[in-house]
Amino acid sequence: MTTTPNRTRLDRADTDAALYRVAICAFTYHPEKHLEEPGYQLAEDLDWCLAPLTGLPTAELAALRDTIATLITTPTADRQAFIRTLAALSDDAPEGA
């Protein structure tokens, strides 16, 4: 994701919360989780992870949802770009970051 000067800025606490939630979901996910936890659905984890970011435009949330799904289900996924994206969304990020 790229950033623009007019991008919606979020409170740093919200971006930190999203990062924390993604980490928890990624650490606790395994391919058989739905068998061991009847009723488990990845969609519920995605909704929980995105809840702190609800101030973002719908298209941006959809892109983040796809990224987060990959980060949760793919242990080898590179998380650095996601962390940079969240940092750029934070209200304490420099303008144009």
Protein backbone atom coordinates (compact mmCIF):
# COMPACT_ATOMS: atom_id res chain seq x y z
CA MET A 1 0.00 0.00 0.00
CA THR A 2 1.21 3.49 -0.75
CA THR A 3 0.49 6.56 1.24
CA THR A 4 -0.79 9.94 0.13
CA PRO A 5 -0.79 13.29 1.89
CA ASN A 6 -4.62 13.20 2.23
CA ARG A 7 -4.66 9.71 3.74
CA THR A 8 -6.85 9.10 6.75
CA ARG A 9 -4.80 9.16 9.94
CA LEU A 10 -5.59 6.91 12.87
CA ASP A 11 -4.71 7.18 16.52
CA ARG A 12 -1.46 5.35 17.26
CA ALA A 13 -3.26 3.26 19.88
CA ASP A 14 -5.58 1.93 17.16
CA THR A 15 -2.77 0.93 14.80
CA ASP A 16 -0.90 -0.68 17.70
CA ALA A 17 -4.07 -2.58 18.66
CA ALA A 18 -4.47 -3.86 15.11
CA LEU A 19 -0.86 -5.04 15.03
CA TYR A 20 -1.29 -6.78 18.39
CA ARG A 21 -4.46 -8.51 17.26
CA VAL A 22 -2.91 -9.74 14.02
CA ALA A 23 0.06 -11.10 15.96
CA ILE A 24 -2.19 -12.96 18.42
CA CYS A 25 -4.22 -14.49 15.60
CA ALA A 26 -1.11 -15.48 13.63
CA PHE A 27 0.51 -17.06 16.69
CA THR A 28 -2.58 -19.08 17.58
CA TYR A 29 -3.64 -20.14 14.06
CA HIS A 30 -2.97 -23.58 12.65
CA PRO A 31 -4.59 -25.37 9.69
CA GLU A 32 -6.66 -27.69 11.92
CA LYS A 33 -7.90 -24.95 14.25
CA HIS A 34 -11.45 -25.22 12.90
CA LEU A 35 -11.45 -28.94 13.81
CA GLU A 36 -10.17 -28.38 17.35
CA GLU A 37 -12.37 -25.34 17.97
CA PRO A 38 -15.81 -26.07 16.52
CA GLY A 39 -17.32 -22.89 15.11
CA TYR A 40 -13.95 -21.21 14.52
CA GLN A 41 -13.95 -19.08 11.40
CA LEU A 42 -11.08 -17.03 10.05
CA ALA A 43 -13.59 -14.28 9.22
CA GLU A 44 -14.17 -13.67 12.94
CA ASP A 45 -10.43 -13.21 13.51
CA LEU A 46 -10.28 -10.82 10.55
CA ASP A 47 -13.18 -8.77 11.90
CA TRP A 48 -11.49 -8.58 15.31
CA CYS A 49 -8.15 -7.54 13.79
CA LEU A 50 -9.76 -4.81 11.67
CA ALA A 51 -12.02 -3.40 14.40
CA PRO A 52 -9.50 -0.73 15.52
CA LEU A 53 -9.11 0.44 11.90
CA THR A 54 -12.78 1.17 11.15
CA GLY A 55 -12.00 4.83 10.36
CA LEU A 56 -10.37 3.81 7.08
CA PRO A 57 -12.12 3.88 3.70
CA THR A 58 -13.87 0.65 2.69
CA ALA A 59 -11.45 -0.12 -0.15
CA GLU A 60 -8.45 0.24 2.14
CA LEU A 61 -10.07 -2.00 4.76
CA ALA A 62 -10.73 -4.64 2.09
CA ALA A 63 -7.09 -4.60 1.02
CA LEU A 64 -5.94 -4.84 4.63
CA ARG A 65 -8.37 -7.72 5.21
CA ASP A 66 -6.73 -9.70 2.41
CA THR A 67 -3.27 -8.91 3.74
CA ILE A 68 -4.20 -9.87 7.30
CA ALA A 69 -5.73 -13.17 6.13
CA THR A 70 -2.40 -14.04 4.53
CA LEU A 71 -0.44 -12.97 7.59
CA ILE A 72 -2.59 -15.15 9.85
CA THR A 73 -2.63 -18.28 7.68
CA THR A 74 0.89 -18.20 6.22
CA PRO A 75 3.59 -18.54 8.87
CA THR A 76 6.34 -17.51 6.45
CA ALA A 77 4.56 -14.37 5.20
CA ASP A 78 6.64 -11.19 5.35
CA ARG A 79 5.06 -8.90 7.93
CA GLN A 80 7.36 -5.92 7.43
CA ALA A 81 5.25 -4.24 4.73
CA PHE A 82 2.15 -4.56 6.92
CA ILE A 83 3.96 -3.00 9.88
CA ARG A 84 5.13 -0.11 7.66
CA THR A 85 1.56 0.36 6.39
CA LEU A 86 0.23 0.60 9.94
CA ALA A 87 3.00 3.01 10.90
CA ALA A 88 2.10 5.23 7.93
CA LEU A 89 -1.55 5.22 9.02
CA SER A 90 -0.67 6.41 12.50
CA ASP A 91 -1.37 10.02 13.37
CA ASP A 92 2.19 10.39 14.59
CA ALA A 93 3.66 9.39 11.22
CA PRO A 94 5.33 12.22 9.27
CA GLU A 95 3.14 13.80 6.56
CA GLY A 96 3.58 12.03 3.23
CA ALA A 97 4.84 8.83 4.91
